[in-house]
Amino acid sequence: MPVLAIIGLLGGIAYVVRGSAPPLVAQPVAPPTVAPYPSAGSGMLEASTRNIAISTPVGGVVREVFSKVGDRVGEG
């Protein structure tokens, strides 16, 4: 009986040590995005109160933006 108890104790210790090892980190499928501006961050921003959908009434690709970083813009 003592031999079985020692074997069980050693097996339990081995199980805990093997289970507490950090998991392997998978390599990302694609590299993270890089901001095109030196002072801008990349990622997703969420408002503290609610998320606001920003969209246009027409679909398509924006080819040119006529404002610069820091410009005040208005409707139209």
PDB file of N, CA and C in Angstrom:
ATOM      1  N   MET A   1       0.797  -1.188   0.000  1.00  0.00           N
ATOM      2  CA  MET A   1       0.000   0.000   0.000  1.00  0.00           C
ATOM      3  C   MET A   1       0.851   1.268   0.000  1.00  0.00           C
ATOM      4  N   PRO A   2       1.897   1.345   0.793  1.00  0.00           N
ATOM      5  CA  PRO A   2       2.705   2.566   0.765  1.00  0.00           C
ATOM      6  C   PRO A   2       3.320   2.818  -0.610  1.00  0.00           C
ATOM      7  N   VAL A   3       3.673   1.766  -1.336  1.00  0.00           N
ATOM      8  CA  VAL A   3       4.258   1.936  -2.666  1.00  0.00           C
ATOM      9  C   VAL A   3       3.227   2.548  -3.612  1.00  0.00           C
ATOM     10  N   LEU A   4       1.987   2.080  -3.546  1.00  0.00           N
ATOM     11  CA  LEU A   4       0.927   2.649  -4.377  1.00  0.00           C
ATOM     12  C   LEU A   4       0.662   4.104  -4.006  1.00  0.00           C
ATOM     13  N   ALA A   5       0.733   4.436  -2.723  1.00  0.00           N
ATOM     14  CA  ALA A   5       0.522   5.808  -2.292  1.00  0.00           C
ATOM     15  C   ALA A   5       1.633   6.709  -2.829  1.00  0.00           C
ATOM     16  N   ILE A   6       2.868   6.239  -2.812  1.00  0.00           N
ATOM     17  CA  ILE A   6       3.987   7.030  -3.327  1.00  0.00           C
ATOM     18  C   ILE A   6       3.867   7.214  -4.836  1.00  0.00           C
ATOM     19  N   ILE A   7       3.480   6.152  -5.541  1.00  0.00           N
ATOM     20  CA  ILE A   7       3.285   6.239  -6.986  1.00  0.00           C
ATOM     21  C   ILE A   7       2.160   7.235  -7.303  1.00  0.00           C
ATOM     22  N   GLY A   8       1.079   7.187  -6.550  1.00  0.00           N
ATOM     23  CA  GLY A   8      -0.031   8.114  -6.752  1.00  0.00           C
ATOM     24  C   GLY A   8       0.384   9.548  -6.453  1.00  0.00           C
ATOM     25  N   LEU A   9       1.179   9.747  -5.391  1.00  0.00           N
ATOM     26  CA  LEU A   9       1.650  11.084  -5.052  1.00  0.00           C
ATOM     27  C   LEU A   9       2.558  11.639  -6.144  1.00  0.00           C
ATOM     28  N   LEU A  10       3.484  10.817  -6.637  1.00  0.00           N
ATOM     29  CA  LEU A  10       4.379  11.253  -7.708  1.00  0.00           C
ATOM     30  C   LEU A  10       3.601  11.536  -8.999  1.00  0.00           C
ATOM     31  N   GLY A  11       2.622  10.711  -9.290  1.00  0.00           N
ATOM     32  CA  GLY A  11       1.788  10.933 -10.472  1.00  0.00           C
ATOM     33  C   GLY A  11       0.995  12.223 -10.352  1.00  0.00           C
ATOM     34  N   GLY A  12       0.465  12.513  -9.160  1.00  0.00           N
ATOM     35  CA  GLY A  12      -0.274  13.758  -8.944  1.00  0.00           C
ATOM     36  C   GLY A  12       0.613  14.980  -9.085  1.00  0.00           C
ATOM     37  N   ILE A  13       1.838  14.889  -8.550  1.00  0.00           N
ATOM     38  CA  ILE A  13       2.781  15.997  -8.678  1.00  0.00           C
ATOM     39  C   ILE A  13       3.135  16.225 -10.146  1.00  0.00           C
ATOM     40  N   ALA A  14       3.390  15.149 -10.888  1.00  0.00           N
ATOM     41  CA  ALA A  14       3.720  15.270 -12.305  1.00  0.00           C
ATOM     42  C   ALA A  14       2.549  15.882 -13.080  1.00  0.00           C
ATOM     43  N   TYR A  15       1.334  15.491 -12.729  1.00  0.00           N
ATOM     44  CA  TYR A  15       0.151  16.027 -13.402  1.00  0.00           C
ATOM     45  C   TYR A  15       0.014  17.526 -13.158  1.00  0.00           C
ATOM     46  N   VAL A  16       0.226  17.977 -11.921  1.00  0.00           N
ATOM     47  CA  VAL A  16       0.107  19.393 -11.589  1.00  0.00           C
ATOM     48  C   VAL A  16       1.207  20.192 -12.266  1.00  0.00           C
ATOM     49  N   VAL A  17       2.448  19.690 -12.265  1.00  0.00           N
ATOM     50  CA  VAL A  17       3.561  20.415 -12.882  1.00  0.00           C
ATOM     51  C   VAL A  17       3.341  20.542 -14.384  1.00  0.00           C
ATOM     52  N   ARG A  18       2.918  19.476 -15.026  1.00  0.00           N
ATOM     53  CA  ARG A  18       2.682  19.503 -16.460  1.00  0.00           C
ATOM     54  C   ARG A  18       1.492  20.394 -16.806  1.00  0.00           C
ATOM     55  N   GLY A  19       0.482  20.431 -15.961  1.00  0.00           N
ATOM     56  CA  GLY A  19      -0.705  21.246 -16.218  1.00  0.00           C
ATOM     57  C   GLY A  19      -0.491  22.716 -15.953  1.00  0.00           C
ATOM     58  N   SER A  20       0.494  23.065 -15.137  1.00  0.00           N
ATOM     59  CA  SER A  20       0.710  24.477 -14.824  1.00  0.00           C
ATOM     60  C   SER A  20       1.671  25.153 -15.790  1.00  0.00           C
ATOM     61  N   ALA A  21       2.171  24.438 -16.788  1.00  0.00           N
ATOM     62  CA  ALA A  21       3.062  25.039 -17.785  1.00  0.00           C
ATOM     63  C   ALA A  21       2.262  26.017 -18.639  1.00  0.00           C
ATOM     64  N   PRO A  22       2.852  27.157 -19.024  1.00  0.00           N
ATOM     65  CA  PRO A  22       2.107  28.111 -19.860  1.00  0.00           C
ATOM     66  C   PRO A  22       1.765  27.490 -21.217  1.00  0.00           C
ATOM     67  N   PRO A  23       0.588  27.817 -21.740  1.00  0.00           N
ATOM     68  CA  PRO A  23       0.193  27.254 -23.038  1.00  0.00           C
ATOM     69  C   PRO A  23       1.057  27.820 -24.163  1.00  0.00           C
ATOM     70  N   LEU A  24       1.185  27.059 -25.223  1.00  0.00           N
ATOM     71  CA  LEU A  24       1.928  27.524 -26.386  1.00  0.00           C
ATOM     72  C   LEU A  24       1.145  28.634 -27.082  1.00  0.00           C
ATOM     73  N   VAL A  25       1.821  29.670 -27.497  1.00  0.00           N
ATOM     74  CA  VAL A  25       1.175  30.801 -28.163  1.00  0.00           C
ATOM     75  C   VAL A  25       1.219  30.571 -29.669  1.00  0.00           C
ATOM     76  N   ALA A  26       0.059  30.639 -30.288  1.00  0.00           N
ATOM     77  CA  ALA A  26      -0.023  30.441 -31.730  1.00  0.00           C
ATOM     78  C   ALA A  26       0.485  31.688 -32.453  1.00  0.00           C
ATOM     79  N   GLN A  27       1.132  31.484 -33.564  1.00  0.00           N
ATOM     80  CA  GLN A  27       1.611  32.589 -34.377  1.00  0.00           C
ATOM     81  C   GLN A  27       0.425  33.252 -35.072  1.00  0.00           C
ATOM     82  N   PRO A  28       0.414  34.584 -35.195  1.00  0.00           N
ATOM     83  CA  PRO A  28      -0.711  35.245 -35.859  1.00  0.00           C
ATOM     84  C   PRO A  28      -0.774  34.888 -37.342  1.00  0.00           C
ATOM     85  N   VAL A  29      -1.995  34.863 -37.865  1.00  0.00           N
ATOM     86  CA  VAL A  29      -2.198  34.546 -39.269  1.00  0.00           C
ATOM     87  C   VAL A  29      -1.680  35.675 -40.150  1.00  0.00           C
ATOM     88  N   ALA A  30      -1.903  36.912 -39.712  1.00  0.00           N
ATOM     89  CA  ALA A  30      -1.462  38.089 -40.458  1.00  0.00           C
ATOM     90  C   ALA A  30      -0.759  39.033 -39.485  1.00  0.00           C
ATOM     91  N   PRO A  31       0.154  39.846 -39.977  1.00  0.00           N
ATOM     92  CA  PRO A  31       0.820  40.792 -39.070  1.00  0.00           C
ATOM     93  C   PRO A  31      -0.173  41.847 -38.592  1.00  0.00           C
ATOM     94  N   PRO A  32       0.039  42.432 -37.413  1.00  0.00           N
ATOM     95  CA  PRO A  32      -0.881  43.459 -36.928  1.00  0.00           C
ATOM     96  C   PRO A  32      -0.853  44.695 -37.811  1.00  0.00           C
ATOM     97  N   THR A  33      -1.953  45.417 -37.815  1.00  0.00           N
ATOM     98  CA  THR A  33      -2.035  46.613 -38.646  1.00  0.00           C
ATOM     99  C   THR A  33      -1.126  47.709 -38.108  1.00  0.00           C
ATOM    100  N   VAL A  34      -0.636  48.526 -39.008  1.00  0.00           N
ATOM    101  CA  VAL A  34       0.223  49.646 -38.643  1.00  0.00           C
ATOM    102  C   VAL A  34      -0.470  50.929 -39.071  1.00  0.00           C
ATOM    103  N   ALA A  35      -0.517  51.897 -38.167  1.00  0.00           N
ATOM    104  CA  ALA A  35      -1.173  53.167 -38.471  1.00  0.00           C
ATOM    105  C   ALA A  35      -0.362  53.930 -39.514  1.00  0.00           C
ATOM    106  N   PRO A  36      -1.011  54.545 -40.511  1.00  0.00           N
ATOM    107  CA  PRO A  36      -0.280  55.296 -41.531  1.00  0.00           C
ATOM    108  C   PRO A  36       0.244  56.632 -41.025  1.00  0.00           C
ATOM    109  N   TYR A  37      -0.205  57.067 -39.841  1.00  0.00           N
ATOM    110  CA  TYR A  37       0.222  58.346 -39.287  1.00  0.00           C
ATOM    111  C   TYR A  37       1.108  58.090 -38.067  1.00  0.00           C
ATOM    112  N   PRO A  38       2.145  58.894 -37.871  1.00  0.00           N
ATOM    113  CA  PRO A  38       3.043  58.653 -36.734  1.00  0.00           C
ATOM    114  C   PRO A  38       2.387  58.868 -35.374  1.00  0.00           C
ATOM    115  N   SER A  39       1.364  59.728 -35.296  1.00  0.00           N
ATOM    116  CA  SER A  39       0.760  60.008 -33.999  1.00  0.00           C
ATOM    117  C   SER A  39      -0.561  59.276 -33.790  1.00  0.00           C
ATOM    118  N   ALA A  40      -0.948  58.398 -34.696  1.00  0.00           N
ATOM    119  CA  ALA A  40      -2.223  57.702 -34.589  1.00  0.00           C
ATOM    120  C   ALA A  40      -2.007  56.290 -34.076  1.00  0.00           C
ATOM    121  N   GLY A  41      -2.992  55.771 -33.416  1.00  0.00           N
ATOM    122  CA  GLY A  41      -2.939  54.393 -32.941  1.00  0.00           C
ATOM    123  C   GLY A  41      -3.793  53.509 -33.816  1.00  0.00           C
ATOM    124  N   SER A  42      -3.612  52.236 -33.697  1.00  0.00           N
ATOM    125  CA  SER A  42      -4.436  51.314 -34.469  1.00  0.00           C
ATOM    126  C   SER A  42      -5.242  50.475 -33.500  1.00  0.00           C
ATOM    127  N   GLY A  43      -6.365  50.016 -33.925  1.00  0.00           N
ATOM    128  CA  GLY A  43      -7.216  49.194 -33.085  1.00  0.00           C
ATOM    129  C   GLY A  43      -8.665  49.614 -33.216  1.00  0.00           C
ATOM    130  N   MET A  44      -9.481  49.171 -32.267  1.00  0.00           N
ATOM    131  CA  MET A  44     -10.898  49.486 -32.302  1.00  0.00           C
ATOM    132  C   MET A  44     -11.214  50.368 -31.103  1.00  0.00           C
ATOM    133  N   LEU A  45     -11.937  51.428 -31.348  1.00  0.00           N
ATOM    134  CA  LEU A  45     -12.325  52.349 -30.286  1.00  0.00           C
ATOM    135  C   LEU A  45     -13.801  52.178 -30.001  1.00  0.00           C
ATOM    136  N   GLU A  46     -14.142  52.175 -28.730  1.00  0.00           N
ATOM    137  CA  GLU A  46     -15.531  52.084 -28.327  1.00  0.00           C
ATOM    138  C   GLU A  46     -15.836  53.236 -27.393  1.00  0.00           C
ATOM    139  N   ALA A  47     -17.006  53.857 -27.571  1.00  0.00           N
ATOM    140  CA  ALA A  47     -17.407  54.966 -26.720  1.00  0.00           C
ATOM    141  C   ALA A  47     -17.733  54.452 -25.325  1.00  0.00           C
ATOM    142  N   SER A  48     -17.644  55.323 -24.323  1.00  0.00           N
ATOM    143  CA  SER A  48     -17.950  54.899 -22.959  1.00  0.00           C
ATOM    144  C   SER A  48     -19.446  54.744 -22.730  1.00  0.00           C
ATOM    145  N   THR A  49     -20.267  55.430 -23.527  1.00  0.00           N
ATOM    146  CA  THR A  49     -21.709  55.343 -23.329  1.00  0.00           C
ATOM    147  C   THR A  49     -22.379  54.423 -24.346  1.00  0.00           C
ATOM    148  N   ARG A  50     -22.051  54.603 -25.605  1.00  0.00           N
ATOM    149  CA  ARG A  50     -22.639  53.747 -26.645  1.00  0.00           C
ATOM    150  C   ARG A  50     -21.771  53.827 -27.887  1.00  0.00           C
ATOM    151  N   ASN A  51     -21.848  52.825 -28.730  1.00  0.00           N
ATOM    152  CA  ASN A  51     -21.108  52.830 -29.987  1.00  0.00           C
ATOM    153  C   ASN A  51     -21.911  53.595 -31.037  1.00  0.00           C
ATOM    154  N   ILE A  52     -21.218  54.371 -31.836  1.00  0.00           N
ATOM    155  CA  ILE A  52     -21.868  55.184 -32.855  1.00  0.00           C
ATOM    156  C   ILE A  52     -21.427  54.673 -34.221  1.00  0.00           C
ATOM    157  N   ALA A  53     -22.386  54.302 -35.055  1.00  0.00           N
ATOM    158  CA  ALA A  53     -22.076  53.818 -36.392  1.00  0.00           C
ATOM    159  C   ALA A  53     -21.801  55.005 -37.305  1.00  0.00           C
ATOM    160  N   ILE A  54     -20.672  54.988 -37.975  1.00  0.00           N
ATOM    161  CA  ILE A  54     -20.326  56.034 -38.938  1.00  0.00           C
ATOM    162  C   ILE A  54     -20.362  55.398 -40.314  1.00  0.00           C
ATOM    163  N   SER A  55     -21.183  55.954 -41.180  1.00  0.00           N
ATOM    164  CA  SER A  55     -21.302  55.380 -42.520  1.00  0.00           C
ATOM    165  C   SER A  55     -21.686  56.472 -43.510  1.00  0.00           C
ATOM    166  N   THR A  56     -21.715  56.097 -44.757  1.00  0.00           N
ATOM    167  CA  THR A  56     -22.107  57.018 -45.815  1.00  0.00           C
ATOM    168  C   THR A  56     -23.345  56.475 -46.511  1.00  0.00           C
ATOM    169  N   PRO A  57     -24.112  57.371 -47.162  1.00  0.00           N
ATOM    170  CA  PRO A  57     -25.293  56.884 -47.869  1.00  0.00           C
ATOM    171  C   PRO A  57     -24.956  56.162 -49.174  1.00  0.00           C
ATOM    172  N   VAL A  58     -23.698  56.240 -49.606  1.00  0.00           N
ATOM    173  CA  VAL A  58     -23.281  55.613 -50.855  1.00  0.00           C
ATOM    174  C   VAL A  58     -22.130  54.656 -50.561  1.00  0.00           C
ATOM    175  N   GLY A  59     -22.108  53.530 -51.238  1.00  0.00           N
ATOM    176  CA  GLY A  59     -21.009  52.595 -51.080  1.00  0.00           C
ATOM    177  C   GLY A  59     -19.844  52.961 -51.982  1.00  0.00           C
ATOM    178  N   GLY A  60     -18.671  52.467 -51.680  1.00  0.00           N
ATOM    179  CA  GLY A  60     -17.518  52.726 -52.532  1.00  0.00           C
ATOM    180  C   GLY A  60     -16.239  52.824 -51.735  1.00  0.00           C
ATOM    181  N   VAL A  61     -15.167  53.181 -52.426  1.00  0.00           N
ATOM    182  CA  VAL A  61     -13.853  53.301 -51.821  1.00  0.00           C
ATOM    183  C   VAL A  61     -13.458  54.768 -51.804  1.00  0.00           C
ATOM    184  N   VAL A  62     -12.965  55.248 -50.666  1.00  0.00           N
ATOM    185  CA  VAL A  62     -12.496  56.626 -50.563  1.00  0.00           C
ATOM    186  C   VAL A  62     -11.144  56.717 -51.241  1.00  0.00           C
ATOM    187  N   ARG A  63     -11.030  57.584 -52.236  1.00  0.00           N
ATOM    188  CA  ARG A  63      -9.772  57.729 -52.970  1.00  0.00           C
ATOM    189  C   ARG A  63      -8.946  58.905 -52.462  1.00  0.00           C
ATOM    190  N   GLU A  64      -9.600  59.935 -51.916  1.00  0.00           N
ATOM    191  CA  GLU A  64      -8.871  61.107 -51.457  1.00  0.00           C
ATOM    192  C   GLU A  64      -9.644  61.768 -50.322  1.00  0.00           C
ATOM    193  N   VAL A  65      -8.915  62.267 -49.327  1.00  0.00           N
ATOM    194  CA  VAL A  65      -9.506  62.996 -48.206  1.00  0.00           C
ATOM    195  C   VAL A  65      -8.943  64.410 -48.251  1.00  0.00           C
ATOM    196  N   PHE A  66      -9.818  65.407 -48.227  1.00  0.00           N
ATOM    197  CA  PHE A  66      -9.403  66.797 -48.388  1.00  0.00           C
ATOM    198  C   PHE A  66      -9.134  67.500 -47.066  1.00  0.00           C
ATOM    199  N   SER A  67      -8.998  66.785 -45.997  1.00  0.00           N
ATOM    200  CA  SER A  67      -8.670  67.401 -44.711  1.00  0.00           C
ATOM    201  C   SER A  67      -7.395  66.771 -44.169  1.00  0.00           C
ATOM    202  N   LYS A  68      -6.782  67.478 -43.241  1.00  0.00           N
ATOM    203  CA  LYS A  68      -5.549  66.989 -42.619  1.00  0.00           C
ATOM    204  C   LYS A  68      -5.825  66.667 -41.162  1.00  0.00           C
ATOM    205  N   VAL A  69      -4.908  65.973 -40.508  1.00  0.00           N
ATOM    206  CA  VAL A  69      -5.046  65.644 -39.104  1.00  0.00           C
ATOM    207  C   VAL A  69      -5.106  66.942 -38.309  1.00  0.00           C
ATOM    208  N   GLY A  70      -6.116  67.098 -37.468  1.00  0.00           N
ATOM    209  CA  GLY A  70      -6.280  68.290 -36.653  1.00  0.00           C
ATOM    210  C   GLY A  70      -7.223  69.325 -37.236  1.00  0.00           C
ATOM    211  N   ASP A  71      -7.629  69.183 -38.525  1.00  0.00           N
ATOM    212  CA  ASP A  71      -8.560  70.129 -39.141  1.00  0.00           C
ATOM    213  C   ASP A  71      -9.941  69.969 -38.525  1.00  0.00           C
ATOM    214  N   ARG A  72     -10.637  71.093 -38.370  1.00  0.00           N
ATOM    215  CA  ARG A  72     -12.040  71.038 -37.945  1.00  0.00           C
ATOM    216  C   ARG A  72     -12.903  70.921 -39.200  1.00  0.00           C
ATOM    217  N   VAL A  73     -13.766  69.953 -39.205  1.00  0.00           N
ATOM    218  CA  VAL A  73     -14.631  69.743 -40.376  1.00  0.00           C
ATOM    219  C   VAL A  73     -16.077  69.786 -39.925  1.00  0.00           C
ATOM    220  N   GLY A  74     -16.936  70.095 -40.863  1.00  0.00           N
ATOM    221  CA  GLY A  74     -18.355  70.151 -40.589  1.00  0.00           C
ATOM    222  C   GLY A  74     -19.128  69.362 -41.625  1.00  0.00           C
ATOM    223  N   GLU A  75     -20.415  69.393 -41.508  1.00  0.00           N
ATOM    224  CA  GLU A  75     -21.271  68.656 -42.437  1.00  0.00           C
ATOM    225  C   GLU A  75     -21.138  69.236 -43.829  1.00  0.00           C
ATOM    226  N   GLY A  76     -21.065  68.375 -44.818  1.00  0.00           N
ATOM    227  CA  GLY A  76     -20.970  68.825 -46.205  1.00  0.00           C
ATOM    228  C   GLY A  76     -19.547  69.008 -46.630  1.00  0.00           C
TER     229      GLY A  76
END
